[in-house]
Amino acid sequence: PDDDADEIAALLEATEALVNGIDDAQAWEDLSVRQQLRAQ
């Protein structure tokens, strides 16, 4: 945590981008009922 603080900070920044990207990806529940049925 002392010697590699910059690397840890960079990894946390990358992880935050990962989490945000997952949140933005289209999940099944994001679709309306008709969109879900049309997809099936």
Full PDB file with SEQRES, HELIX, SHEET, SSBOND, CRYST1, ORIGX, SCALE, CONECT and MASTER records, all heavy atoms in Angstrom:
SEQRES   1 A   40  PRO ASP ASP ASP ALA ASP GLU ILE ALA ALA LEU LEU GLU          
SEQRES   2 A   40  ALA THR GLU ALA LEU VAL ASN GLY ILE ASP ASP ALA GLN          
SEQRES   3 A   40  ALA TRP GLU ASP LEU SER VAL ARG GLN GLN LEU ARG ALA          
SEQRES   4 A   40  GLN                                                          
HELIX    1 AA1 ALA A    5  ASP A   24  1                                  20    
HELIX    2 AA2 TRP A   28  ASP A   30  5                                   3    
HELIX    3 AA3 VAL A   33  ALA A   39  1                                   7    
CRYST1    1.000    1.000    1.000  90.00  90.00  90.00 P 1           1          
ORIGX1      1.000000  0.000000  0.000000        0.00000                         
ORIGX2      0.000000  1.000000  0.000000        0.00000                         
ORIGX3      0.000000  0.000000  1.000000        0.00000                         
SCALE1      1.000000  0.000000  0.000000        0.00000                         
SCALE2      0.000000  1.000000  0.000000        0.00000                         
SCALE3      0.000000  0.000000  1.000000        0.00000                         
ATOM      1  N   PRO A   1       0.802  -1.231   0.000  1.00  0.00           N  
ATOM      2  CA  PRO A   1       0.000   0.000   0.000  1.00  0.00           C  
ATOM      3  C   PRO A   1       0.836   1.283   0.000  1.00  0.00           C  
ATOM      4  O   PRO A   1       0.351   2.335  -0.426  1.00  0.00           O  
ATOM      5  CB  PRO A   1      -0.828  -0.121   1.280  1.00  0.00           C  
ATOM      6  CG  PRO A   1      -0.115  -1.101   2.126  1.00  0.00           C  
ATOM      7  CD  PRO A   1       0.534  -2.054   1.187  1.00  0.00           C  
ATOM      8  N   ASP A   2       2.107   1.210   0.457  1.00  0.00           N  
ATOM      9  CA  ASP A   2       2.989   2.382   0.437  1.00  0.00           C  
ATOM     10  C   ASP A   2       3.794   2.442  -0.854  1.00  0.00           C  
ATOM     11  O   ASP A   2       3.729   3.407  -1.613  1.00  0.00           O  
ATOM     12  CB  ASP A   2       3.930   2.357   1.640  1.00  0.00           C  
ATOM     13  CG  ASP A   2       3.172   2.546   2.949  1.00  0.00           C  
ATOM     14  OD1 ASP A   2       2.172   3.281   2.947  1.00  0.00           O  
ATOM     15  OD2 ASP A   2       3.586   1.945   3.956  1.00  0.00           O  
ATOM     16  N   ASP A   3       4.522   1.363  -1.127  1.00  0.00           N  
ATOM     17  CA  ASP A   3       5.430   1.367  -2.267  1.00  0.00           C  
ATOM     18  C   ASP A   3       4.696   1.324  -3.604  1.00  0.00           C  
ATOM     19  O   ASP A   3       5.203   1.824  -4.614  1.00  0.00           O  
ATOM     20  CB  ASP A   3       6.386   0.175  -2.181  1.00  0.00           C  
ATOM     21  CG  ASP A   3       7.264   0.243  -0.932  1.00  0.00           C  
ATOM     22  OD1 ASP A   3       7.442   1.356  -0.406  1.00  0.00           O  
ATOM     23  OD2 ASP A   3       7.745  -0.818  -0.487  1.00  0.00           O  
ATOM     24  N   ASP A   4       3.510   0.688  -3.628  1.00  0.00           N  
ATOM     25  CA  ASP A   4       2.789   0.498  -4.892  1.00  0.00           C  
ATOM     26  C   ASP A   4       1.456   1.240  -4.890  1.00  0.00           C  
ATOM     27  O   ASP A   4       0.485   0.802  -5.510  1.00  0.00           O  
ATOM     28  CB  ASP A   4       2.538  -1.002  -5.126  1.00  0.00           C  
ATOM     29  CG  ASP A   4       3.818  -1.805  -5.133  1.00  0.00           C  
ATOM     30  OD1 ASP A   4       4.742  -1.410  -5.858  1.00  0.00           O  
ATOM     31  OD2 ASP A   4       3.890  -2.815  -4.402  1.00  0.00           O  
ATOM     32  N   ALA A   5       1.427   2.368  -4.207  1.00  0.00           N  
ATOM     33  CA  ALA A   5       0.174   3.123  -4.092  1.00  0.00           C  
ATOM     34  C   ALA A   5      -0.348   3.554  -5.456  1.00  0.00           C  
ATOM     35  O   ALA A   5      -1.567   3.517  -5.719  1.00  0.00           O  
ATOM     36  CB  ALA A   5       0.366   4.333  -3.190  1.00  0.00           C  
ATOM     37  N   ASP A   6       0.556   3.973  -6.350  1.00  0.00           N  
ATOM     38  CA  ASP A   6       0.122   4.427  -7.674  1.00  0.00           C  
ATOM     39  C   ASP A   6      -0.499   3.282  -8.472  1.00  0.00           C  
ATOM     40  O   ASP A   6      -1.512   3.464  -9.164  1.00  0.00           O  
ATOM     41  CB  ASP A   6       1.299   5.019  -8.446  1.00  0.00           C  
ATOM     42  CG  ASP A   6       1.792   6.336  -7.851  1.00  0.00           C  
ATOM     43  OD1 ASP A   6       1.014   6.949  -7.076  1.00  0.00           O  
ATOM     44  OD2 ASP A   6       2.922   6.743  -8.156  1.00  0.00           O  
ATOM     45  N   GLU A   7       0.118   2.101  -8.397  1.00  0.00           N  
ATOM     46  CA  GLU A   7      -0.402   0.953  -9.131  1.00  0.00           C  
ATOM     47  C   GLU A   7      -1.781   0.547  -8.608  1.00  0.00           C  
ATOM     48  O   GLU A   7      -2.706   0.240  -9.376  1.00  0.00           O  
ATOM     49  CB  GLU A   7       0.552  -0.242  -9.004  1.00  0.00           C  
ATOM     50  CG  GLU A   7       1.823  -0.107  -9.807  1.00  0.00           C  
ATOM     51  CD  GLU A   7       2.867   0.775  -9.139  1.00  0.00           C  
ATOM     52  OE1 GLU A   7       2.583   1.316  -8.049  1.00  0.00           O  
ATOM     53  OE2 GLU A   7       3.970   0.932  -9.707  1.00  0.00           O  
ATOM     54  N   ILE A   8      -1.933   0.561  -7.268  1.00  0.00           N  
ATOM     55  CA  ILE A   8      -3.224   0.209  -6.688  1.00  0.00           C  
ATOM     56  C   ILE A   8      -4.290   1.213  -7.099  1.00  0.00           C  
ATOM     57  O   ILE A   8      -5.424   0.848  -7.454  1.00  0.00           O  
ATOM     58  CB  ILE A   8      -3.110   0.127  -5.144  1.00  0.00           C  
ATOM     59  CG1 ILE A   8      -2.199  -1.024  -4.734  1.00  0.00           C  
ATOM     60  CG2 ILE A   8      -4.491  -0.046  -4.516  1.00  0.00           C  
ATOM     61  CD1 ILE A   8      -1.900  -1.072  -3.247  1.00  0.00           C  
ATOM     62  N   ALA A   9      -3.927   2.495  -7.089  1.00  0.00           N  
ATOM     63  CA  ALA A   9      -4.875   3.528  -7.493  1.00  0.00           C  
ATOM     64  C   ALA A   9      -5.301   3.342  -8.950  1.00  0.00           C  
ATOM     65  O   ALA A   9      -6.480   3.498  -9.311  1.00  0.00           O  
ATOM     66  CB  ALA A   9      -4.272   4.911  -7.284  1.00  0.00           C  
ATOM     67  N   ALA A  10      -4.338   2.997  -9.817  1.00  0.00           N  
ATOM     68  CA  ALA A  10      -4.650   2.783 -11.228  1.00  0.00           C  
ATOM     69  C   ALA A  10      -5.569   1.576 -11.409  1.00  0.00           C  
ATOM     70  O   ALA A  10      -6.501   1.596 -12.228  1.00  0.00           O  
ATOM     71  CB  ALA A  10      -3.361   2.593 -12.026  1.00  0.00           C  
ATOM     72  N   LEU A  11      -5.325   0.528 -10.627  1.00  0.00           N  
ATOM     73  CA  LEU A  11      -6.176  -0.657 -10.714  1.00  0.00           C  
ATOM     74  C   LEU A  11      -7.592  -0.360 -10.233  1.00  0.00           C  
ATOM     75  O   LEU A  11      -8.572  -0.843 -10.803  1.00  0.00           O  
ATOM     76  CB  LEU A  11      -5.569  -1.799  -9.900  1.00  0.00           C  
ATOM     77  CG  LEU A  11      -4.309  -2.445 -10.488  1.00  0.00           C  
ATOM     78  CD1 LEU A  11      -3.695  -3.407  -9.486  1.00  0.00           C  
ATOM     79  CD2 LEU A  11      -4.638  -3.165 -11.797  1.00  0.00           C  
ATOM     80  N   LEU A  12      -7.694   0.446  -9.168  1.00  0.00           N  
ATOM     81  CA  LEU A  12      -9.021   0.817  -8.680  1.00  0.00           C  
ATOM     82  C   LEU A  12      -9.766   1.662  -9.708  1.00  0.00           C  
ATOM     83  O   LEU A  12     -10.986   1.524  -9.876  1.00  0.00           O  
ATOM     84  CB  LEU A  12      -8.905   1.573  -7.353  1.00  0.00           C  
ATOM     85  CG  LEU A  12      -8.637   0.718  -6.118  1.00  0.00           C  
ATOM     86  CD1 LEU A  12      -8.381   1.602  -4.910  1.00  0.00           C  
ATOM     87  CD2 LEU A  12      -9.809  -0.228  -5.846  1.00  0.00           C  
ATOM     88  N   GLU A  13      -9.033   2.508 -10.413  1.00  0.00           N  
ATOM     89  CA  GLU A  13      -9.655   3.315 -11.461  1.00  0.00           C  
ATOM     90  C   GLU A  13     -10.166   2.408 -12.589  1.00  0.00           C  
ATOM     91  O   GLU A  13     -11.271   2.604 -13.109  1.00  0.00           O  
ATOM     92  CB  GLU A  13      -8.650   4.322 -12.000  1.00  0.00           C  
ATOM     93  CG  GLU A  13      -9.233   5.273 -13.044  1.00  0.00           C  
ATOM     94  CD  GLU A  13      -8.219   6.303 -13.505  1.00  0.00           C  
ATOM     95  OE1 GLU A  13      -7.169   6.449 -12.848  1.00  0.00           O  
ATOM     96  OE2 GLU A  13      -8.486   6.964 -14.525  1.00  0.00           O  
ATOM     97  N   ALA A  14      -9.361   1.414 -12.953  1.00  0.00           N  
ATOM     98  CA  ALA A  14      -9.779   0.468 -13.991  1.00  0.00           C  
ATOM     99  C   ALA A  14     -10.977  -0.354 -13.536  1.00  0.00           C  
ATOM    100  O   ALA A  14     -11.899  -0.630 -14.311  1.00  0.00           O  
ATOM    101  CB  ALA A  14      -8.612  -0.454 -14.349  1.00  0.00           C  
ATOM    102  N   THR A  15     -10.976  -0.725 -12.258  1.00  0.00           N  
ATOM    103  CA  THR A  15     -12.086  -1.508 -11.717  1.00  0.00           C  
ATOM    104  C   THR A  15     -13.371  -0.686 -11.681  1.00  0.00           C  
ATOM    105  O   THR A  15     -14.459  -1.202 -11.945  1.00  0.00           O  
ATOM    106  CB  THR A  15     -11.740  -2.011 -10.303  1.00  0.00           C  
ATOM    107  OG1 THR A  15     -10.490  -2.680 -10.328  1.00  0.00           O  
ATOM    108  CG2 THR A  15     -12.810  -2.958  -9.797  1.00  0.00           C  
ATOM    109  N   GLU A  16     -13.245   0.600 -11.355  1.00  0.00           N  
ATOM    110  CA  GLU A  16     -14.415   1.472 -11.362  1.00  0.00           C  
ATOM    111  C   GLU A  16     -15.010   1.563 -12.765  1.00  0.00           C  
ATOM    112  O   GLU A  16     -16.232   1.522 -12.943  1.00  0.00           O  
ATOM    113  CB  GLU A  16     -14.037   2.862 -10.862  1.00  0.00           C  
ATOM    114  CG  GLU A  16     -15.216   3.820 -10.783  1.00  0.00           C  
ATOM    115  CD  GLU A  16     -14.824   5.194 -10.267  1.00  0.00           C  
ATOM    116  OE1 GLU A  16     -13.634   5.404  -9.978  1.00  0.00           O  
ATOM    117  OE2 GLU A  16     -15.712   6.070 -10.165  1.00  0.00           O  
ATOM    118  N   ALA A  17     -14.142   1.653 -13.771  1.00  0.00           N  
ATOM    119  CA  ALA A  17     -14.621   1.681 -15.156  1.00  0.00           C  
ATOM    120  C   ALA A  17     -15.297   0.364 -15.513  1.00  0.00           C  
ATOM    121  O   ALA A  17     -16.312   0.339 -16.235  1.00  0.00           O  
ATOM    122  CB  ALA A  17     -13.458   1.958 -16.100  1.00  0.00           C  
ATOM    123  N   LEU A  18     -14.759  -0.751 -15.003  1.00  0.00           N  
ATOM    124  CA  LEU A  18     -15.368  -2.061 -15.233  1.00  0.00           C  
ATOM    125  C   LEU A  18     -16.779  -2.107 -14.657  1.00  0.00           C  
ATOM    126  O   LEU A  18     -17.729  -2.528 -15.335  1.00  0.00           O  
ATOM    127  CB  LEU A  18     -14.500  -3.149 -14.604  1.00  0.00           C  
ATOM    128  CG  LEU A  18     -15.099  -4.555 -14.528  1.00  0.00           C  
ATOM    129  CD1 LEU A  18     -15.222  -5.155 -15.922  1.00  0.00           C  
ATOM    130  CD2 LEU A  18     -14.245  -5.457 -13.631  1.00  0.00           C  
ATOM    131  N   VAL A  19     -16.915  -1.678 -13.413  1.00  0.00           N  
ATOM    132  CA  VAL A  19     -18.229  -1.693 -12.746  1.00  0.00           C  
ATOM    133  C   VAL A  19     -19.223  -0.804 -13.482  1.00  0.00           C  
ATOM    134  O   VAL A  19     -20.383  -1.190 -13.705  1.00  0.00           O  
ATOM    135  CB  VAL A  19     -18.081  -1.256 -11.276  1.00  0.00           C  
ATOM    136  CG1 VAL A  19     -19.444  -1.064 -10.633  1.00  0.00           C  
ATOM    137  CG2 VAL A  19     -17.258  -2.271 -10.493  1.00  0.00           C  
ATOM    138  N   ASN A  20     -18.778   0.379 -13.878  1.00  0.00           N  
ATOM    139  CA  ASN A  20     -19.669   1.285 -14.606  1.00  0.00           C  
ATOM    140  C   ASN A  20     -20.087   0.688 -15.949  1.00  0.00           C  
ATOM    141  O   ASN A  20     -21.238   0.838 -16.376  1.00  0.00           O  
ATOM    142  CB  ASN A  20     -18.985   2.637 -14.820  1.00  0.00           C  
ATOM    143  CG  ASN A  20     -18.804   3.416 -13.531  1.00  0.00           C  
ATOM    144  OD1 ASN A  20     -19.537   3.201 -12.567  1.00  0.00           O  
ATOM    145  ND2 ASN A  20     -17.839   4.312 -13.496  1.00  0.00           N  
ATOM    146  N   GLY A  21     -19.151   0.021 -16.614  1.00  0.00           N  
ATOM    147  CA  GLY A  21     -19.472  -0.602 -17.892  1.00  0.00           C  
ATOM    148  C   GLY A  21     -20.487  -1.720 -17.742  1.00  0.00           C  
ATOM    149  O   GLY A  21     -21.383  -1.887 -18.587  1.00  0.00           O  
ATOM    150  N   ILE A  22     -20.353  -2.486 -16.673  1.00  0.00           N  
ATOM    151  CA  ILE A  22     -21.325  -3.558 -16.408  1.00  0.00           C  
ATOM    152  C   ILE A  22     -22.701  -2.956 -16.134  1.00  0.00           C  
ATOM    153  O   ILE A  22     -23.725  -3.452 -16.625  1.00  0.00           O  
ATOM    154  CB  ILE A  22     -20.855  -4.422 -15.222  1.00  0.00           C  
ATOM    155  CG1 ILE A  22     -19.584  -5.178 -15.600  1.00  0.00           C  
ATOM    156  CG2 ILE A  22     -21.942  -5.390 -14.787  1.00  0.00           C  
ATOM    157  CD1 ILE A  22     -18.928  -5.908 -14.448  1.00  0.00           C  
ATOM    158  N   ASP A  23     -22.732  -1.877 -15.372  1.00  0.00           N  
ATOM    159  CA  ASP A  23     -24.010  -1.220 -15.082  1.00  0.00           C  
ATOM    160  C   ASP A  23     -24.681  -0.717 -16.353  1.00  0.00           C  
ATOM    161  O   ASP A  23     -25.916  -0.719 -16.459  1.00  0.00           O  
ATOM    162  CB  ASP A  23     -23.794  -0.048 -14.116  1.00  0.00           C  
ATOM    163  CG  ASP A  23     -23.456  -0.510 -12.710  1.00  0.00           C  
ATOM    164  OD1 ASP A  23     -23.730  -1.681 -12.394  1.00  0.00           O  
ATOM    165  OD2 ASP A  23     -22.899   0.295 -11.935  1.00  0.00           O  
ATOM    166  N   ASP A  24     -23.875  -0.280 -17.318  1.00  0.00           N  
ATOM    167  CA  ASP A  24     -24.426   0.287 -18.542  1.00  0.00           C  
ATOM    168  C   ASP A  24     -24.822  -0.771 -19.571  1.00  0.00           C  
ATOM    169  O   ASP A  24     -25.582  -0.477 -20.502  1.00  0.00           O  
ATOM    170  CB  ASP A  24     -23.407   1.236 -19.186  1.00  0.00           C  
ATOM    171  CG  ASP A  24     -23.181   2.498 -18.356  1.00  0.00           C  
ATOM    172  OD1 ASP A  24     -24.055   2.825 -17.533  1.00  0.00           O  
ATOM    173  OD2 ASP A  24     -22.119   3.143 -18.525  1.00  0.00           O  
ATOM    174  N   ALA A  25     -24.313  -1.998 -19.452  1.00  0.00           N  
ATOM    175  CA  ALA A  25     -24.628  -3.047 -20.418  1.00  0.00           C  
ATOM    176  C   ALA A  25     -26.107  -3.412 -20.330  1.00  0.00           C  
ATOM    177  O   ALA A  25     -26.719  -3.348 -19.258  1.00  0.00           O  
ATOM    178  CB  ALA A  25     -23.758  -4.277 -20.165  1.00  0.00           C  
ATOM    179  N   GLN A  26     -26.665  -3.819 -21.451  1.00  0.00           N  
ATOM    180  CA  GLN A  26     -28.114  -4.070 -21.524  1.00  0.00           C  
ATOM    181  C   GLN A  26     -28.468  -5.410 -20.868  1.00  0.00           C  
ATOM    182  O   GLN A  26     -28.107  -6.478 -21.349  1.00  0.00           O  
ATOM    183  CB  GLN A  26     -28.587  -4.066 -22.969  1.00  0.00           C  
ATOM    184  CG  GLN A  26     -30.105  -4.111 -23.105  1.00  0.00           C  
ATOM    185  CD  GLN A  26     -30.542  -4.126 -24.561  1.00  0.00           C  
ATOM    186  OE1 GLN A  26     -30.300  -5.080 -25.287  1.00  0.00           O  
ATOM    187  NE2 GLN A  26     -31.187  -3.050 -24.996  1.00  0.00           N  
ATOM    188  N   ALA A  27     -29.184  -5.330 -19.762  1.00  0.00           N  
ATOM    189  CA  ALA A  27     -29.666  -6.524 -19.072  1.00  0.00           C  
ATOM    190  C   ALA A  27     -31.079  -6.850 -19.557  1.00  0.00           C  
ATOM    191  O   ALA A  27     -31.788  -6.006 -20.099  1.00  0.00           O  
ATOM    192  CB  ALA A  27     -29.667  -6.305 -17.561  1.00  0.00           C  
ATOM    193  N   TRP A  28     -31.476  -8.100 -19.342  1.00  0.00           N  
ATOM    194  CA  TRP A  28     -32.802  -8.538 -19.787  1.00  0.00           C  
ATOM    195  C   TRP A  28     -33.899  -7.694 -19.160  1.00  0.00           C  
ATOM    196  O   TRP A  28     -34.888  -7.324 -19.815  1.00  0.00           O  
ATOM    197  CB  TRP A  28     -32.982 -10.014 -19.430  1.00  0.00           C  
ATOM    198  CG  TRP A  28     -34.241 -10.614 -19.971  1.00  0.00           C  
ATOM    199  CD1 TRP A  28     -35.381 -10.902 -19.298  1.00  0.00           C  
ATOM    200  CD2 TRP A  28     -34.482 -10.986 -21.327  1.00  0.00           C  
ATOM    201  NE1 TRP A  28     -36.312 -11.433 -20.145  1.00  0.00           N  
ATOM    202  CE2 TRP A  28     -35.778 -11.494 -21.400  1.00  0.00           C  
ATOM    203  CE3 TRP A  28     -33.711 -10.930 -22.491  1.00  0.00           C  
ATOM    204  CZ2 TRP A  28     -36.341 -11.961 -22.578  1.00  0.00           C  
ATOM    205  CZ3 TRP A  28     -34.271 -11.398 -23.668  1.00  0.00           C  
ATOM    206  CH2 TRP A  28     -35.574 -11.899 -23.714  1.00  0.00           C  
ATOM    207  N   GLU A  29     -33.732  -7.342 -17.905  1.00  0.00           N  
ATOM    208  CA  GLU A  29     -34.759  -6.581 -17.198  1.00  0.00           C  
ATOM    209  C   GLU A  29     -34.860  -5.146 -17.712  1.00  0.00           C  
ATOM    210  O   GLU A  29     -35.833  -4.449 -17.400  1.00  0.00           O  
ATOM    211  CB  GLU A  29     -34.478  -6.572 -15.702  1.00  0.00           C  
ATOM    212  CG  GLU A  29     -33.196  -5.877 -15.306  1.00  0.00           C  
ATOM    213  CD  GLU A  29     -32.935  -5.912 -13.820  1.00  0.00           C  
ATOM    214  OE1 GLU A  29     -33.579  -6.699 -13.110  1.00  0.00           O  
ATOM    215  OE2 GLU A  29     -32.082  -5.136 -13.367  1.00  0.00           O  
ATOM    216  N   ASP A  30     -33.893  -4.702 -18.506  1.00  0.00           N  
ATOM    217  CA  ASP A  30     -33.968  -3.360 -19.088  1.00  0.00           C  
ATOM    218  C   ASP A  30     -34.977  -3.298 -20.228  1.00  0.00           C  
ATOM    219  O   ASP A  30     -35.396  -2.205 -20.624  1.00  0.00           O  
ATOM    220  CB  ASP A  30     -32.600  -2.921 -19.616  1.00  0.00           C  
ATOM    221  CG  ASP A  30     -31.561  -2.771 -18.511  1.00  0.00           C  
ATOM    222  OD1 ASP A  30     -31.977  -2.494 -17.370  1.00  0.00           O  
ATOM    223  OD2 ASP A  30     -30.362  -2.936 -18.789  1.00  0.00           O  
ATOM    224  N   LEU A  31     -35.342  -4.467 -20.776  1.00  0.00           N  
ATOM    225  CA  LEU A  31     -36.270  -4.505 -21.902  1.00  0.00           C  
ATOM    226  C   LEU A  31     -37.711  -4.414 -21.415  1.00  0.00           C  
ATOM    227  O   LEU A  31     -38.047  -4.884 -20.325  1.00  0.00           O  
ATOM    228  CB  LEU A  31     -36.099  -5.802 -22.693  1.00  0.00           C  
ATOM    229  CG  LEU A  31     -34.723  -6.086 -23.290  1.00  0.00           C  
ATOM    230  CD1 LEU A  31     -34.754  -7.409 -24.042  1.00  0.00           C  
ATOM    231  CD2 LEU A  31     -34.262  -4.960 -24.189  1.00  0.00           C  
ATOM    232  N   SER A  32     -38.563  -3.852 -22.241  1.00  0.00           N  
ATOM    233  CA  SER A  32     -39.998  -3.877 -21.947  1.00  0.00           C  
ATOM    234  C   SER A  32     -40.506  -5.295 -22.159  1.00  0.00           C  
ATOM    235  O   SER A  32     -39.822  -6.146 -22.738  1.00  0.00           O  
ATOM    236  CB  SER A  32     -40.749  -2.918 -22.878  1.00  0.00           C  
ATOM    237  OG  SER A  32     -40.704  -3.394 -24.215  1.00  0.00           O  
ATOM    238  N   VAL A  33     -41.720  -5.577 -21.696  1.00  0.00           N  
ATOM    239  CA  VAL A  33     -42.297  -6.910 -21.858  1.00  0.00           C  
ATOM    240  C   VAL A  33     -42.363  -7.289 -23.330  1.00  0.00           C  
ATOM    241  O   VAL A  33     -42.004  -8.406 -23.728  1.00  0.00           O  
ATOM    242  CB  VAL A  33     -43.700  -6.968 -21.219  1.00  0.00           C  
ATOM    243  CG1 VAL A  33     -44.405  -8.270 -21.588  1.00  0.00           C  
ATOM    244  CG2 VAL A  33     -43.599  -6.847 -19.712  1.00  0.00           C  
ATOM    245  N   ARG A  34     -42.805  -6.362 -24.159  1.00  0.00           N  
ATOM    246  CA  ARG A  34     -42.906  -6.671 -25.592  1.00  0.00           C  
ATOM    247  C   ARG A  34     -41.531  -6.929 -26.204  1.00  0.00           C  
ATOM    248  O   ARG A  34     -41.362  -7.806 -27.051  1.00  0.00           O  
ATOM    249  CB  ARG A  34     -43.609  -5.530 -26.329  1.00  0.00           C  
ATOM    250  CG  ARG A  34     -45.126  -5.572 -26.152  1.00  0.00           C  
ATOM    251  CD  ARG A  34     -45.837  -4.595 -27.058  1.00  0.00           C  
ATOM    252  NE  ARG A  34     -47.275  -4.736 -26.936  1.00  0.00           N  
ATOM    253  CZ  ARG A  34     -48.164  -3.968 -27.560  1.00  0.00           C  
ATOM    254  NH1 ARG A  34     -47.729  -2.976 -28.338  1.00  0.00           N  
ATOM    255  NH2 ARG A  34     -49.462  -4.161 -27.411  1.00  0.00           N  
ATOM    256  N   GLN A  35     -40.534  -6.172 -25.771  1.00  0.00           N  
ATOM    257  CA  GLN A  35     -39.179  -6.396 -26.275  1.00  0.00           C  
ATOM    258  C   GLN A  35     -38.662  -7.773 -25.856  1.00  0.00           C  
ATOM    259  O   GLN A  35     -38.010  -8.470 -26.635  1.00  0.00           O  
ATOM    260  CB  GLN A  35     -38.241  -5.307 -25.757  1.00  0.00           C  
ATOM    261  CG  GLN A  35     -38.459  -3.945 -26.402  1.00  0.00           C  
ATOM    262  CD  GLN A  35     -37.624  -2.853 -25.747  1.00  0.00           C  
ATOM    263  OE1 GLN A  35     -37.399  -2.866 -24.538  1.00  0.00           O  
ATOM    264  NE2 GLN A  35     -37.155  -1.900 -26.539  1.00  0.00           N  
ATOM    265  N   GLN A  36     -38.960  -8.174 -24.630  1.00  0.00           N  
ATOM    266  CA  GLN A  36     -38.548  -9.493 -24.163  1.00  0.00           C  
ATOM    267  C   GLN A  36     -39.215 -10.592 -24.981  1.00  0.00           C  
ATOM    268  O   GLN A  36     -38.567 -11.554 -25.418  1.00  0.00           O  
ATOM    269  CB  GLN A  36     -38.899  -9.656 -22.682  1.00  0.00           C  
ATOM    270  CG  GLN A  36     -38.073  -8.807 -21.742  1.00  0.00           C  
ATOM    271  CD  GLN A  36     -38.509  -8.955 -20.291  1.00  0.00           C  
ATOM    272  OE1 GLN A  36     -39.447  -9.705 -19.985  1.00  0.00           O  
ATOM    273  NE2 GLN A  36     -37.855  -8.250 -19.398  1.00  0.00           N  
ATOM    274  N   LEU A  37     -40.518 -10.457 -25.214  1.00  0.00           N  
ATOM    275  CA  LEU A  37     -41.241 -11.474 -25.968  1.00  0.00           C  
ATOM    276  C   LEU A  37     -40.801 -11.497 -27.427  1.00  0.00           C  
ATOM    277  O   LEU A  37     -40.678 -12.555 -28.037  1.00  0.00           O  
ATOM    278  CB  LEU A  37     -42.752 -11.211 -25.876  1.00  0.00           C  
ATOM    279  CG  LEU A  37     -43.364 -11.465 -24.497  1.00  0.00           C  
ATOM    280  CD1 LEU A  37     -44.796 -10.991 -24.459  1.00  0.00           C  
ATOM    281  CD2 LEU A  37     -43.301 -12.943 -24.152  1.00  0.00           C  
ATOM    282  N   ARG A  38     -40.555 -10.321 -27.970  1.00  0.00           N  
ATOM    283  CA  ARG A  38     -40.086 -10.265 -29.356  1.00  0.00           C  
ATOM    284  C   ARG A  38     -38.727 -10.957 -29.482  1.00  0.00           C  
ATOM    285  O   ARG A  38     -38.467 -11.681 -30.453  1.00  0.00           O  
ATOM    286  CB  ARG A  38     -40.001  -8.809 -29.820  1.00  0.00           C  
ATOM    287  CG  ARG A  38     -39.675  -8.656 -31.309  1.00  0.00           C  
ATOM    288  CD  ARG A  38     -39.787  -7.213 -31.761  1.00  0.00           C  
ATOM    289  NE  ARG A  38     -41.180  -6.769 -31.765  1.00  0.00           N  
ATOM    290  CZ  ARG A  38     -41.699  -5.892 -30.915  1.00  0.00           C  
ATOM    291  NH1 ARG A  38     -40.930  -5.351 -29.973  1.00  0.00           N  
ATOM    292  NH2 ARG A  38     -42.956  -5.535 -30.975  1.00  0.00           N  
ATOM    293  N   ALA A  39     -37.874 -10.753 -28.502  1.00  0.00           N  
ATOM    294  CA  ALA A  39     -36.545 -11.379 -28.531  1.00  0.00           C  
ATOM    295  C   ALA A  39     -36.636 -12.897 -28.444  1.00  0.00           C  
ATOM    296  O   ALA A  39     -35.753 -13.613 -28.921  1.00  0.00           O  
ATOM    297  CB  ALA A  39     -35.686 -10.845 -27.386  1.00  0.00           C  
ATOM    298  N   GLN A  40     -37.706 -13.409 -27.852  1.00  0.00           N  
ATOM    299  CA  GLN A  40     -37.884 -14.853 -27.700  1.00  0.00           C  
ATOM    300  C   GLN A  40     -38.779 -15.455 -28.779  1.00  0.00           C  
ATOM    301  O   GLN A  40     -39.149 -16.629 -28.708  1.00  0.00           O  
ATOM    302  CB  GLN A  40     -38.460 -15.154 -26.306  1.00  0.00           C  
ATOM    303  CG  GLN A  40     -37.495 -14.769 -25.192  1.00  0.00           C  
ATOM    304  CD  GLN A  40     -38.115 -14.905 -23.816  1.00  0.00           C  
ATOM    305  OE1 GLN A  40     -38.011 -15.946 -23.175  1.00  0.00           O  
ATOM    306  NE2 GLN A  40     -38.766 -13.857 -23.347  1.00  0.00           N  
TER     307      GLN A  40                                                      
MASTER        0    0    0    3    0    0    0    6  306    1    0    4          
END                                                                             
